[in-house]
Amino acid sequence: PRPLIFRGLGNAHMQITATPEAQMWFEQGLNLLHDFWDYEAARAFEQSIRVDPACAMCYWGLYAAESFYHSTAQGYAGQALAKAAALKKHASKRERLYIEATSAQTIPSRIGGPGPVPRSALALWRKIVRRYPSDSQAPIFLAQVVGAPEKLAILESVLKDRPDDSAANHYYILALEASEHPERALHSAEILARRSPGCGHMVHMPGHIYFRIGDYSRAEQA
């Protein structure tokens, strides 16, 4: 069924080659993807495809959402990525690199999920970041496929430029919650719920940091 339009999911933005309505649904899916609300992300990307069947990045998004399901929809994930690749001629050079980088990741899994990331995929993600410095999403996706020290450095660089970035703050909490210094993510914990009030997962994430630093009252509230 047609998905609902949600508000308060975050502030992720990526301009793609698509009709205005497909762009709207794509961005809802993108924010839901960063929010780990995989099922609704898939529905939003599906709707973007319904209104613009030639949208390559809409299929790329559907791949990312379907592969988040941890094996319950892996067949659909592969089909979506193959369709994205088949539609690359309708996409910009930057979008083609997104599809190529994701295709180079040999094991279907959510971005940042388990599985080795081939050097070819890493090189393509780095190429996007280097070639398109104004693309706010590229470094966030790169951060999900590199090792811990570099991940933190990338996210901190993103947050220096965009301290209220909902996705970057979410991933920063995840990167630090089990570390020796969870307090480094306290700023992220304090603002994340306000940036994404429409998603229960994002609203609860600050509790991970509050609990680790011993602020049990705020952890319980989160």
C-alpha atoms as a PDB file:
ATOM      1  CA  PRO A   1       0.000   0.000   0.000  1.00  0.00           C
ATOM      2  CA  ARG A   2       0.976   3.614  -0.561  1.00  0.00           C
ATOM      3  CA  PRO A   3       3.114   4.867   2.342  1.00  0.00           C
ATOM      4  CA  LEU A   4       2.245   7.808   4.537  1.00  0.00           C
ATOM      5  CA  ILE A   5       4.133  11.085   4.463  1.00  0.00           C
ATOM      6  CA  PHE A   6       6.041  11.372   7.740  1.00  0.00           C
ATOM      7  CA  ARG A   7       7.461  14.458   9.402  1.00  0.00           C
ATOM      8  CA  GLY A   8      10.339  14.842  11.815  1.00  0.00           C
ATOM      9  CA  LEU A   9      12.521  12.078  10.386  1.00  0.00           C
ATOM     10  CA  GLY A  10      15.755  14.063  10.078  1.00  0.00           C
ATOM     11  CA  ASN A  11      17.448  16.443   7.701  1.00  0.00           C
ATOM     12  CA  ALA A  12      19.235  14.184   5.209  1.00  0.00           C
ATOM     13  CA  HIS A  13      19.155  15.578   1.672  1.00  0.00           C
ATOM     14  CA  MET A  14      20.391  14.224  -1.650  1.00  0.00           C
ATOM     15  CA  GLN A  15      19.438  15.742  -4.982  1.00  0.00           C
ATOM     16  CA  ILE A  16      18.873  13.013  -7.564  1.00  0.00           C
ATOM     17  CA  THR A  17      17.683  12.728 -11.157  1.00  0.00           C
ATOM     18  CA  ALA A  18      13.959  12.284 -10.562  1.00  0.00           C
ATOM     19  CA  THR A  19      10.590  13.968 -10.781  1.00  0.00           C
ATOM     20  CA  PRO A  20       9.753  16.296  -7.879  1.00  0.00           C
ATOM     21  CA  GLU A  21       7.372  13.757  -6.327  1.00  0.00           C
ATOM     22  CA  ALA A  22       9.901  10.939  -6.637  1.00  0.00           C
ATOM     23  CA  GLN A  23      12.538  13.215  -5.080  1.00  0.00           C
ATOM     24  CA  MET A  24      10.246  13.790  -2.099  1.00  0.00           C
ATOM     25  CA  TRP A  25       9.666  10.069  -1.559  1.00  0.00           C
ATOM     26  CA  PHE A  26      13.360   9.320  -2.083  1.00  0.00           C
ATOM     27  CA  GLU A  27      14.343  11.776   0.619  1.00  0.00           C
ATOM     28  CA  GLN A  28      11.776  10.325   2.999  1.00  0.00           C
ATOM     29  CA  GLY A  29      13.282   6.911   2.306  1.00  0.00           C
ATOM     30  CA  LEU A  30      16.814   8.259   2.768  1.00  0.00           C
ATOM     31  CA  ASN A  31      15.985   9.697   6.177  1.00  0.00           C
ATOM     32  CA  LEU A  32      14.192   6.512   7.202  1.00  0.00           C
ATOM     33  CA  LEU A  33      17.234   4.518   6.084  1.00  0.00           C
ATOM     34  CA  HIS A  34      19.481   6.591   8.355  1.00  0.00           C
ATOM     35  CA  ASP A  35      16.869   6.195  11.103  1.00  0.00           C
ATOM     36  CA  PHE A  36      17.094   2.382  10.807  1.00  0.00           C
ATOM     37  CA  TRP A  37      13.351   2.295  10.044  1.00  0.00           C
ATOM     38  CA  ASP A  38      13.980  -0.151   7.250  1.00  0.00           C
ATOM     39  CA  TYR A  39      10.447  -1.302   6.434  1.00  0.00           C
ATOM     40  CA  GLU A  40       9.076   2.205   5.958  1.00  0.00           C
ATOM     41  CA  ALA A  41      12.238   3.192   4.077  1.00  0.00           C
ATOM     42  CA  ALA A  42      11.560   0.420   1.575  1.00  0.00           C
ATOM     43  CA  ARG A  43       7.952   1.565   1.190  1.00  0.00           C
ATOM     44  CA  ALA A  44       9.055   5.157   0.525  1.00  0.00           C
ATOM     45  CA  PHE A  45      11.586   4.066  -2.091  1.00  0.00           C
ATOM     46  CA  GLU A  46       8.964   1.808  -3.689  1.00  0.00           C
ATOM     47  CA  GLN A  47       6.648   4.802  -3.970  1.00  0.00           C
ATOM     48  CA  SER A  48       9.411   6.871  -5.572  1.00  0.00           C
ATOM     49  CA  ILE A  49       9.761   4.115  -8.179  1.00  0.00           C
ATOM     50  CA  ARG A  50       6.006   4.022  -8.797  1.00  0.00           C
ATOM     51  CA  VAL A  51       5.932   7.719  -9.661  1.00  0.00           C
ATOM     52  CA  ASP A  52       9.233   7.671 -11.604  1.00  0.00           C
ATOM     53  CA  PRO A  53      10.079   4.180 -12.937  1.00  0.00           C
ATOM     54  CA  ALA A  54      13.226   5.481 -14.688  1.00  0.00           C
ATOM     55  CA  CYS A  55      14.793   6.747 -11.438  1.00  0.00           C
ATOM     56  CA  ALA A  56      18.018   4.778 -10.955  1.00  0.00           C
ATOM     57  CA  MET A  57      18.729   6.136  -7.465  1.00  0.00           C
ATOM     58  CA  CYS A  58      15.232   5.213  -6.323  1.00  0.00           C
ATOM     59  CA  TYR A  59      16.151   1.583  -7.003  1.00  0.00           C
ATOM     60  CA  TRP A  60      19.500   2.159  -5.264  1.00  0.00           C
ATOM     61  CA  GLY A  61      17.584   3.302  -2.194  1.00  0.00           C
ATOM     62  CA  LEU A  62      15.282   0.289  -2.380  1.00  0.00           C
ATOM     63  CA  TYR A  63      18.358  -1.955  -2.443  1.00  0.00           C
ATOM     64  CA  ALA A  64      19.739  -0.268   0.672  1.00  0.00           C
ATOM     65  CA  ALA A  65      16.435  -0.613   2.528  1.00  0.00           C
ATOM     66  CA  GLU A  66      15.722  -4.197   1.453  1.00  0.00           C
ATOM     67  CA  SER A  67      19.229  -5.350   2.339  1.00  0.00           C
ATOM     68  CA  PHE A  68      18.738  -3.896   5.829  1.00  0.00           C
ATOM     69  CA  TYR A  69      16.228  -6.675   6.515  1.00  0.00           C
ATOM     70  CA  HIS A  70      19.024  -9.096   7.452  1.00  0.00           C
ATOM     71  CA  SER A  71      18.213 -11.807   4.891  1.00  0.00           C
ATOM     72  CA  THR A  72      14.407 -11.675   4.810  1.00  0.00           C
ATOM     73  CA  ALA A  73      14.409  -9.793   1.498  1.00  0.00           C
ATOM     74  CA  GLN A  74      17.854 -10.373   0.032  1.00  0.00           C
ATOM     75  CA  GLY A  75      16.404 -11.557  -3.282  1.00  0.00           C
ATOM     76  CA  TYR A  76      14.555  -8.287  -3.742  1.00  0.00           C
ATOM     77  CA  ALA A  77      17.663  -6.341  -2.756  1.00  0.00           C
ATOM     78  CA  GLY A  78      19.680  -7.908  -5.545  1.00  0.00           C
ATOM     79  CA  GLN A  79      16.938  -7.252  -8.088  1.00  0.00           C
ATOM     80  CA  ALA A  80      16.711  -3.600  -7.029  1.00  0.00           C
ATOM     81  CA  LEU A  81      20.452  -3.045  -7.346  1.00  0.00           C
ATOM     82  CA  ALA A  82      20.498  -4.717 -10.755  1.00  0.00           C
ATOM     83  CA  LYS A  83      17.678  -2.425 -11.880  1.00  0.00           C
ATOM     84  CA  ALA A  84      19.567   0.624 -10.584  1.00  0.00           C
ATOM     85  CA  ALA A  85      22.581  -0.426 -12.640  1.00  0.00           C
ATOM     86  CA  ALA A  86      20.406  -0.975 -15.725  1.00  0.00           C
ATOM     87  CA  LEU A  87      19.018   2.564 -15.411  1.00  0.00           C
ATOM     88  CA  LYS A  88      22.384   4.300 -14.941  1.00  0.00           C
ATOM     89  CA  LYS A  89      22.110   6.006 -18.331  1.00  0.00           C
ATOM     90  CA  HIS A  90      19.284   8.109 -16.859  1.00  0.00           C
ATOM     91  CA  ALA A  91      21.417   9.197 -13.882  1.00  0.00           C
ATOM     92  CA  SER A  92      24.103  11.825 -13.324  1.00  0.00           C
ATOM     93  CA  LYS A  93      27.792  10.927 -13.102  1.00  0.00           C
ATOM     94  CA  ARG A  94      27.658  11.304  -9.316  1.00  0.00           C
ATOM     95  CA  GLU A  95      24.659   8.986  -9.041  1.00  0.00           C
ATOM     96  CA  ARG A  96      26.371   6.417 -11.248  1.00  0.00           C
ATOM     97  CA  LEU A  97      29.278   6.380  -8.821  1.00  0.00           C
ATOM     98  CA  TYR A  98      26.886   5.684  -5.938  1.00  0.00           C
ATOM     99  CA  ILE A  99      25.466   2.715  -7.814  1.00  0.00           C
ATOM    100  CA  GLU A 100      28.913   1.471  -8.839  1.00  0.00           C
ATOM    101  CA  ALA A 101      30.292   1.790  -5.300  1.00  0.00           C
ATOM    102  CA  THR A 102      27.371  -0.142  -3.868  1.00  0.00           C
ATOM    103  CA  SER A 103      27.571  -2.778  -6.604  1.00  0.00           C
ATOM    104  CA  ALA A 104      31.253  -3.247  -5.766  1.00  0.00           C
ATOM    105  CA  GLN A 105      30.302  -4.316  -2.243  1.00  0.00           C
ATOM    106  CA  THR A 106      30.142  -8.027  -2.927  1.00  0.00           C
ATOM    107  CA  ILE A 107      28.111  -9.115   0.101  1.00  0.00           C
ATOM    108  CA  PRO A 108      24.527  -7.736   0.171  1.00  0.00           C
ATOM    109  CA  SER A 109      24.045  -6.142   3.574  1.00  0.00           C
ATOM    110  CA  ARG A 110      22.887  -2.847   4.941  1.00  0.00           C
ATOM    111  CA  ILE A 111      25.447  -0.117   4.445  1.00  0.00           C
ATOM    112  CA  GLY A 112      27.746  -0.415   7.433  1.00  0.00           C
ATOM    113  CA  GLY A 113      26.608  -3.980   8.083  1.00  0.00           C
ATOM    114  CA  PRO A 114      28.725  -7.120   8.381  1.00  0.00           C
ATOM    115  CA  GLY A 115      30.935  -8.330   5.609  1.00  0.00           C
ATOM    116  CA  PRO A 116      34.258  -7.251   4.070  1.00  0.00           C
ATOM    117  CA  VAL A 117      34.266  -4.185   1.870  1.00  0.00           C
ATOM    118  CA  PRO A 118      36.434  -4.653  -1.232  1.00  0.00           C
ATOM    119  CA  ARG A 119      39.100  -2.080  -1.990  1.00  0.00           C
ATOM    120  CA  SER A 120      37.331  -1.253  -5.235  1.00  0.00           C
ATOM    121  CA  ALA A 121      34.214  -0.209  -3.319  1.00  0.00           C
ATOM    122  CA  LEU A 122      36.215   1.863  -0.831  1.00  0.00           C
ATOM    123  CA  ALA A 123      38.007   3.579  -3.697  1.00  0.00           C
ATOM    124  CA  LEU A 124      34.709   4.495  -5.329  1.00  0.00           C
ATOM    125  CA  TRP A 125      33.226   5.903  -2.104  1.00  0.00           C
ATOM    126  CA  ARG A 126      36.382   7.976  -1.596  1.00  0.00           C
ATOM    127  CA  LYS A 127      36.132   9.150  -5.186  1.00  0.00           C
ATOM    128  CA  ILE A 128      32.594  10.447  -4.620  1.00  0.00           C
ATOM    129  CA  VAL A 129      33.666  12.322  -1.487  1.00  0.00           C
ATOM    130  CA  ARG A 130      36.683  13.830  -3.258  1.00  0.00           C
ATOM    131  CA  ARG A 131      34.941  14.726  -6.504  1.00  0.00           C
ATOM    132  CA  TYR A 132      31.709  16.084  -4.972  1.00  0.00           C
ATOM    133  CA  PRO A 133      32.626  17.972  -1.789  1.00  0.00           C
ATOM    134  CA  SER A 134      29.176  19.567  -1.606  1.00  0.00           C
ATOM    135  CA  ASP A 135      27.493  16.145  -1.400  1.00  0.00           C
ATOM    136  CA  SER A 136      26.588  15.912   2.280  1.00  0.00           C
ATOM    137  CA  GLN A 137      25.679  12.228   2.081  1.00  0.00           C
ATOM    138  CA  ALA A 138      28.856  10.823   0.525  1.00  0.00           C
ATOM    139  CA  PRO A 139      31.079  11.104   3.632  1.00  0.00           C
ATOM    140  CA  ILE A 140      28.325   9.632   5.798  1.00  0.00           C
ATOM    141  CA  PHE A 141      28.109   6.549   3.585  1.00  0.00           C
ATOM    142  CA  LEU A 142      31.903   6.329   3.402  1.00  0.00           C
ATOM    143  CA  ALA A 143      32.048   6.375   7.207  1.00  0.00           C
ATOM    144  CA  GLN A 144      29.925   3.234   7.315  1.00  0.00           C
ATOM    145  CA  VAL A 145      32.427   1.142   5.328  1.00  0.00           C
ATOM    146  CA  VAL A 146      35.758   2.105   6.921  1.00  0.00           C
ATOM    147  CA  GLY A 147      37.469   1.136  10.160  1.00  0.00           C
ATOM    148  CA  ALA A 148      36.771   2.697  13.537  1.00  0.00           C
ATOM    149  CA  PRO A 149      39.478   5.397  13.707  1.00  0.00           C
ATOM    150  CA  GLU A 150      38.709   6.706  10.227  1.00  0.00           C
ATOM    151  CA  LYS A 151      34.965   6.413  10.824  1.00  0.00           C
ATOM    152  CA  LEU A 152      35.205   8.732  13.828  1.00  0.00           C
ATOM    153  CA  ALA A 153      37.402  11.185  11.946  1.00  0.00           C
ATOM    154  CA  ILE A 154      34.964  11.357   9.023  1.00  0.00           C
ATOM    155  CA  LEU A 155      31.915  11.801  11.242  1.00  0.00           C
ATOM    156  CA  GLU A 156      33.668  14.474  13.303  1.00  0.00           C
ATOM    157  CA  SER A 157      34.532  16.314  10.106  1.00  0.00           C
ATOM    158  CA  VAL A 158      30.905  16.166   8.998  1.00  0.00           C
ATOM    159  CA  LEU A 159      29.687  17.370  12.381  1.00  0.00           C
ATOM    160  CA  LYS A 160      32.171  20.233  12.389  1.00  0.00           C
ATOM    161  CA  ASP A 161      30.534  21.576   9.236  1.00  0.00           C
ATOM    162  CA  ARG A 162      26.977  20.455  10.039  1.00  0.00           C
ATOM    163  CA  PRO A 163      26.613  19.979  13.815  1.00  0.00           C
ATOM    164  CA  ASP A 164      22.870  19.336  13.525  1.00  0.00           C
ATOM    165  CA  ASP A 165      23.123  16.617  10.837  1.00  0.00           C
ATOM    166  CA  SER A 166      20.708  13.942  12.072  1.00  0.00           C
ATOM    167  CA  ALA A 167      22.351  11.004  10.311  1.00  0.00           C
ATOM    168  CA  ALA A 168      25.897  11.934  11.338  1.00  0.00           C
ATOM    169  CA  ASN A 169      24.844  12.411  14.969  1.00  0.00           C
ATOM    170  CA  HIS A 170      23.098   9.023  14.935  1.00  0.00           C
ATOM    171  CA  TYR A 171      26.155   7.215  13.573  1.00  0.00           C
ATOM    172  CA  TYR A 172      28.447   9.117  15.950  1.00  0.00           C
ATOM    173  CA  ILE A 173      26.486   7.817  18.926  1.00  0.00           C
ATOM    174  CA  LEU A 174      26.676   4.295  17.521  1.00  0.00           C
ATOM    175  CA  ALA A 175      30.431   4.632  17.004  1.00  0.00           C
ATOM    176  CA  LEU A 176      31.091   5.807  20.566  1.00  0.00           C
ATOM    177  CA  GLU A 177      28.471   4.151  22.761  1.00  0.00           C
ATOM    178  CA  ALA A 178      30.658   1.114  23.509  1.00  0.00           C
ATOM    179  CA  SER A 179      33.969   2.984  23.528  1.00  0.00           C
ATOM    180  CA  GLU A 180      36.042   4.168  26.469  1.00  0.00           C
ATOM    181  CA  HIS A 181      34.827   7.724  25.897  1.00  0.00           C
ATOM    182  CA  PRO A 182      31.076   7.731  25.263  1.00  0.00           C
ATOM    183  CA  GLU A 183      30.931  11.283  26.633  1.00  0.00           C
ATOM    184  CA  ARG A 184      32.389  12.494  23.329  1.00  0.00           C
ATOM    185  CA  ALA A 185      28.939  11.882  21.829  1.00  0.00           C
ATOM    186  CA  LEU A 186      27.092  13.853  24.501  1.00  0.00           C
ATOM    187  CA  HIS A 187      26.361  16.747  22.142  1.00  0.00           C
ATOM    188  CA  SER A 188      24.881  14.300  19.652  1.00  0.00           C
ATOM    189  CA  ALA A 189      22.765  12.747  22.391  1.00  0.00           C
ATOM    190  CA  GLU A 190      21.456  16.125  23.465  1.00  0.00           C
ATOM    191  CA  ILE A 191      20.260  17.203  20.021  1.00  0.00           C
ATOM    192  CA  LEU A 192      19.320  14.017  18.152  1.00  0.00           C
ATOM    193  CA  ALA A 193      15.764  13.625  19.446  1.00  0.00           C
ATOM    194  CA  ARG A 194      14.981  17.224  18.485  1.00  0.00           C
ATOM    195  CA  ARG A 195      16.298  16.654  14.975  1.00  0.00           C
ATOM    196  CA  SER A 196      14.294  13.453  14.417  1.00  0.00           C
ATOM    197  CA  PRO A 197      11.254  13.582  16.717  1.00  0.00           C
ATOM    198  CA  GLY A 198       9.144  11.469  14.350  1.00  0.00           C
ATOM    199  CA  CYS A 199      11.209   8.300  14.685  1.00  0.00           C
ATOM    200  CA  GLY A 200      11.178   6.228  17.862  1.00  0.00           C
ATOM    201  CA  HIS A 201      14.599   4.714  17.194  1.00  0.00           C
ATOM    202  CA  MET A 202      16.230   8.123  16.866  1.00  0.00           C
ATOM    203  CA  VAL A 203      14.455   9.440  19.958  1.00  0.00           C
ATOM    204  CA  HIS A 204      15.745   6.526  22.031  1.00  0.00           C
ATOM    205  CA  MET A 205      19.353   6.660  20.787  1.00  0.00           C
ATOM    206  CA  PRO A 206      20.531   9.337  23.268  1.00  0.00           C
ATOM    207  CA  GLY A 207      19.741   6.879  26.043  1.00  0.00           C
ATOM    208  CA  HIS A 208      22.699   4.771  24.931  1.00  0.00           C
ATOM    209  CA  ILE A 209      25.080   7.598  25.810  1.00  0.00           C
ATOM    210  CA  TYR A 210      23.261   8.775  28.946  1.00  0.00           C
ATOM    211  CA  PHE A 211      23.336   5.238  30.335  1.00  0.00           C
ATOM    212  CA  ARG A 212      27.052   4.852  29.651  1.00  0.00           C
ATOM    213  CA  ILE A 213      27.935   8.103  31.450  1.00  0.00           C
ATOM    214  CA  GLY A 214      25.724   7.251  34.421  1.00  0.00           C
ATOM    215  CA  ASP A 215      22.928   9.742  33.761  1.00  0.00           C
ATOM    216  CA  TYR A 216      20.234   7.151  34.373  1.00  0.00           C
ATOM    217  CA  SER A 217      17.399   9.642  34.697  1.00  0.00           C
ATOM    218  CA  ARG A 218      17.890  10.981  31.186  1.00  0.00           C
ATOM    219  CA  ALA A 219      18.541   7.455  29.902  1.00  0.00           C
ATOM    220  CA  GLU A 220      15.182   6.349  31.270  1.00  0.00           C
ATOM    221  CA  GLN A 221      13.477   9.388  29.745  1.00  0.00           C
ATOM    222  CA  ALA A 222      15.005   8.632  26.337  1.00  0.00           C
END
